[in-house]
Amino acid sequence: SEKIKERYRSMYVGVFFKRFIEGLWVAAEGLIYILFAEKADDFIIDEVTDPIQHAVIGVDFGGSKSAHSFTLTGFTRGFKKVIVLDEYYHNNVSKGRLSPKQLDAAFVDFVKRAKQKYPVYEAYCDSAEQTLIEGLTVAAVKNRLGIEVKNAIKGPINDRIAFYCSLMAQGRFFILRHCKATIGALASAVYDAKKLTEDVRLDDGIMNVDSLDSMEYSTESIQSQIMYLNLRR
């Protein structure tokens, strides 16, 4: 029906609209999150007005030329809204590298802060760093955080990008104003101009992809449910 067609049209914007709705092959280039870059005020909020049913933490580990990033993402009833509630961002280049012990302490502090406001029981971490994940697991148990530390799925980045672009197109994505690292990352993320046919996000050591990765890890395990439940409504 036309009503269902319109529902699908509302799910996509930019390159994904051209591909999935118009059936055109177009190369991905320029800004990734066009809606956010052009109308950031539509997504940035100062407070959460809807009850958060539960929240999940995403963790991306940074090397010597990148950053450690934690993202706390909350979900309202029925996954109607997806809200970035809090973040931790430590740039190893500008602030110096953290020892594993310091990273564990930062994670413990972040989880405790999150649990003061929201029901949080899971953290999904960059699976490429098993030693660091083990450190966070031990720290969580030692400090009785009541949170399970898991490996992030790390599925195709195209799927993760399409998911957030769809949320924005539907007006279901929001972020608290104090999450400045994530806001900056969303507003400036671009495709790699050297790999236009591969939909690769530019990661040149300058762009903040760490905040984007940790944000995506926090939702990746349930992104299909979030989209499916919305379609059913």
Protein backbone atom coordinates (compact mmCIF):
# COMPACT_ATOMS: atom_id res chain seq x y z
CA SER A 1 0.00 0.00 0.00
CA GLU A 2 1.01 3.61 -0.39
CA LYS A 3 1.08 3.95 3.40
CA ILE A 4 3.70 1.21 3.71
CA LYS A 5 5.71 2.67 0.84
CA GLU A 6 5.76 6.04 2.59
CA ARG A 7 6.94 4.38 5.79
CA TYR A 8 9.92 2.92 3.95
CA ARG A 9 10.66 6.20 2.21
CA SER A 10 10.89 7.89 5.60
CA MET A 11 13.56 5.46 6.75
CA TYR A 12 16.35 6.67 4.48
CA VAL A 13 18.13 9.81 3.43
CA GLY A 14 20.99 10.77 1.12
CA VAL A 15 22.91 7.96 -0.55
CA PHE A 16 20.81 5.27 1.14
CA PHE A 17 17.57 6.81 -0.17
CA LYS A 18 18.94 6.77 -3.70
CA ARG A 19 20.02 3.15 -3.37
CA PHE A 20 17.24 1.52 -1.35
CA ILE A 21 14.25 3.60 -2.49
CA GLU A 22 15.10 4.87 -5.96
CA GLY A 23 17.11 1.78 -6.93
CA LEU A 24 20.07 3.80 -8.16
CA TRP A 25 23.71 2.95 -7.69
CA VAL A 26 25.51 6.01 -6.41
CA ALA A 27 28.95 6.25 -4.87
CA ALA A 28 29.17 7.28 -1.23
CA GLU A 29 30.99 10.57 -0.93
CA GLY A 30 31.13 13.63 1.28
CA LEU A 31 29.38 13.87 4.63
CA ILE A 32 28.02 10.64 6.06
CA TYR A 33 25.41 11.97 8.48
CA ILE A 34 24.04 14.74 6.30
CA LEU A 35 20.93 15.43 8.38
CA PHE A 36 22.97 15.79 11.55
CA ALA A 37 25.59 18.00 9.93
CA GLU A 38 22.94 20.33 8.47
CA LYS A 39 20.38 20.30 11.31
CA ALA A 40 22.24 19.32 14.46
CA ASP A 41 19.77 21.20 16.67
CA ASP A 42 17.07 18.73 15.65
CA PHE A 43 18.97 15.98 17.42
CA ILE A 44 20.82 17.66 20.29
CA ILE A 45 18.83 17.86 23.53
CA ASP A 46 19.51 19.31 26.97
CA GLU A 47 17.64 16.73 29.02
CA VAL A 48 15.91 13.37 28.76
CA THR A 49 12.16 13.72 29.12
CA ASP A 50 11.12 10.14 28.33
CA PRO A 51 11.82 7.25 30.75
CA ILE A 52 14.87 5.21 29.76
CA GLN A 53 13.92 1.52 29.82
CA HIS A 54 17.54 0.37 29.70
CA ALA A 55 20.95 1.54 28.51
CA VAL A 56 24.03 -0.10 26.99
CA ILE A 57 27.70 0.92 26.96
CA GLY A 58 29.92 0.71 23.90
CA VAL A 59 33.71 0.71 24.27
CA ASP A 60 36.34 1.43 21.64
CA PHE A 61 40.01 1.07 22.55
CA GLY A 62 42.50 3.52 21.09
CA GLY A 63 46.11 3.00 20.06
CA SER A 64 48.95 5.47 20.32
CA LYS A 65 47.49 7.58 17.50
CA SER A 66 43.79 7.43 18.40
CA ALA A 67 41.52 7.58 21.46
CA HIS A 68 39.68 5.50 24.04
CA SER A 69 35.94 6.07 23.87
CA PHE A 70 32.97 4.92 25.96
CA THR A 71 29.40 5.66 24.90
CA LEU A 72 26.26 5.20 26.99
CA THR A 73 23.15 4.83 24.83
CA GLY A 74 19.65 4.62 26.25
CA PHE A 75 16.39 3.34 24.81
CA THR A 76 12.86 4.48 25.53
CA ARG A 77 9.84 2.18 25.61
CA GLY A 78 9.51 0.08 22.47
CA PHE A 79 12.81 1.51 21.15
CA LYS A 80 10.89 4.56 20.02
CA LYS A 81 13.91 6.75 20.75
CA VAL A 82 17.63 6.02 20.83
CA ILE A 83 19.51 8.57 22.95
CA VAL A 84 23.23 9.03 23.54
CA LEU A 85 23.25 9.79 27.25
CA ASP A 86 26.91 10.08 28.17
CA GLU A 87 30.43 9.67 26.83
CA TYR A 88 34.05 9.30 27.85
CA TYR A 89 36.76 10.34 25.42
CA HIS A 90 40.51 10.24 26.01
CA ASN A 91 42.75 11.26 23.13
CA ASN A 92 46.04 9.38 23.47
CA VAL A 93 47.87 11.87 21.26
CA SER A 94 46.95 15.10 23.03
CA LYS A 95 46.51 13.76 26.57
CA GLY A 96 49.05 10.94 26.67
CA ARG A 97 48.51 7.19 26.68
CA LEU A 98 46.68 5.51 29.54
CA SER A 99 48.05 2.47 31.31
CA PRO A 100 45.70 -0.56 31.49
CA LYS A 101 45.14 0.23 35.17
CA GLN A 102 44.14 3.81 34.36
CA LEU A 103 41.80 2.59 31.62
CA ASP A 104 40.16 0.16 34.04
CA ALA A 105 39.67 2.98 36.55
CA ALA A 106 38.11 5.22 33.90
CA PHE A 107 35.72 2.43 32.90
CA VAL A 108 34.70 1.73 36.50
CA ASP A 109 34.00 5.42 37.07
CA PHE A 110 31.96 5.65 33.84
CA VAL A 111 29.83 2.61 34.73
CA LYS A 112 29.18 3.85 38.25
CA ARG A 113 28.10 7.23 36.89
CA ALA A 114 25.79 5.54 34.38
CA LYS A 115 24.21 3.26 36.96
CA GLN A 116 23.34 6.20 39.19
CA LYS A 117 20.77 7.29 36.60
CA TYR A 118 19.93 4.36 34.35
CA PRO A 119 19.54 0.55 34.30
CA VAL A 120 22.79 -0.61 32.68
CA TYR A 121 23.79 -4.27 32.51
CA GLU A 122 25.94 -4.70 29.38
CA ALA A 123 29.08 -3.24 27.81
CA TYR A 124 30.14 -4.19 24.28
CA CYS A 125 33.86 -3.74 23.61
CA ASP A 126 36.15 -3.71 20.59
CA SER A 127 36.86 -7.44 20.19
CA ALA A 128 40.31 -6.77 18.72
CA GLU A 129 41.68 -6.03 22.20
CA GLN A 130 41.07 -9.16 24.27
CA THR A 131 43.68 -8.31 26.90
CA LEU A 132 42.05 -4.95 27.61
CA ILE A 133 38.61 -6.55 27.66
CA GLU A 134 39.83 -9.05 30.24
CA GLY A 135 41.08 -6.13 32.33
CA LEU A 136 37.67 -4.45 32.21
CA THR A 137 35.97 -7.74 33.09
CA VAL A 138 38.14 -8.22 36.16
CA ALA A 139 37.65 -4.59 37.19
CA ALA A 140 33.87 -4.94 36.84
CA VAL A 141 33.79 -8.03 39.05
CA LYS A 142 36.21 -6.59 41.60
CA ASN A 143 34.13 -3.42 41.94
CA ARG A 144 30.81 -5.29 41.87
CA LEU A 145 29.49 -3.20 39.00
CA GLY A 146 26.80 -5.67 38.00
CA ILE A 147 27.63 -5.34 34.33
CA GLU A 148 28.55 -8.00 31.77
CA VAL A 149 31.49 -7.14 29.53
CA LYS A 150 31.07 -8.64 26.04
CA ASN A 151 32.72 -8.60 22.63
CA ALA A 152 31.21 -6.17 20.16
CA ILE A 153 29.80 -7.77 17.02
CA LYS A 154 31.73 -5.44 14.71
CA GLY A 155 29.56 -6.22 11.69
CA PRO A 156 29.82 -4.42 8.32
CA ILE A 157 30.31 -0.72 8.91
CA ASN A 158 27.86 0.00 6.08
CA ASP A 159 25.09 -1.60 8.14
CA ARG A 160 25.98 0.50 11.18
CA ILE A 161 26.06 3.70 9.17
CA ALA A 162 22.76 2.91 7.44
CA PHE A 163 21.17 2.19 10.83
CA TYR A 164 22.02 5.60 12.27
CA CYS A 165 21.14 7.44 9.08
CA SER A 166 17.76 5.72 9.20
CA LEU A 167 17.20 6.65 12.84
CA MET A 168 17.96 10.28 12.03
CA ALA A 169 15.64 10.26 9.02
CA GLN A 170 12.84 8.96 11.25
CA GLY A 171 13.50 11.50 13.99
CA ARG A 172 14.31 8.78 16.52
CA PHE A 173 17.93 9.62 17.32
CA PHE A 174 18.96 12.14 19.97
CA ILE A 175 22.09 13.07 21.88
CA LEU A 176 22.63 15.06 25.06
CA ARG A 177 24.45 18.33 24.52
CA HIS A 178 27.34 17.56 26.87
CA CYS A 179 28.47 14.66 24.63
CA LYS A 180 30.67 17.00 22.64
CA ALA A 181 33.13 14.44 21.25
CA THR A 182 30.32 12.37 19.73
CA ILE A 183 28.53 15.44 18.41
CA GLY A 184 31.70 16.60 16.70
CA ALA A 185 32.34 13.15 15.26
CA LEU A 186 28.83 12.89 13.80
CA ALA A 187 28.95 16.37 12.29
CA SER A 188 32.32 15.87 10.61
CA ALA A 189 32.32 12.19 9.55
CA VAL A 190 33.01 11.78 5.83
CA TYR A 191 33.55 8.96 3.38
CA ASP A 192 37.08 8.17 2.25
CA ALA A 193 37.42 9.94 -1.10
CA LYS A 194 39.99 7.35 -2.21
CA LYS A 195 37.53 4.47 -1.77
CA LEU A 196 34.25 5.83 -3.11
CA THR A 197 32.87 2.45 -4.18
CA GLU A 198 33.57 0.80 -0.81
CA ASP A 199 31.62 3.07 1.56
CA VAL A 200 34.66 3.41 3.81
CA ARG A 201 34.59 5.98 6.58
CA LEU A 202 37.67 8.23 6.51
CA ASP A 203 40.06 7.24 9.30
CA ASP A 204 43.17 9.31 8.82
CA GLY A 205 44.29 9.66 12.43
CA ILE A 206 42.71 13.11 12.60
CA MET A 207 39.00 12.33 12.27
CA ASN A 208 37.33 11.08 15.44
CA VAL A 209 36.04 7.66 14.43
CA ASP A 210 36.50 6.28 17.95
CA SER A 211 33.37 7.97 19.31
CA LEU A 212 31.41 6.67 16.33
CA ASP A 213 32.68 3.12 16.85
CA SER A 214 31.81 3.03 20.55
CA MET A 215 28.38 4.51 19.82
CA GLU A 216 27.74 1.85 17.20
CA TYR A 217 28.93 -0.96 19.48
CA SER A 218 26.35 0.14 22.05
CA THR A 219 23.45 -0.46 19.64
CA GLU A 220 24.75 -3.04 17.19
CA SER A 221 23.50 -6.08 19.11
CA ILE A 222 19.88 -4.87 18.90
CA GLN A 223 19.80 -2.63 15.83
CA SER A 224 17.67 -5.08 13.82
CA GLN A 225 15.09 -5.24 16.63
CA ILE A 226 15.01 -1.46 16.85
CA MET A 227 14.25 -1.12 13.15
CA TYR A 228 11.88 -4.12 12.99
CA LEU A 229 9.76 -3.03 15.94
CA ASN A 230 9.37 0.40 14.45
CA LEU A 231 8.20 -1.04 11.15
CA ARG A 232 5.59 -3.16 12.88
CA ARG A 233 4.05 -0.01 14.35
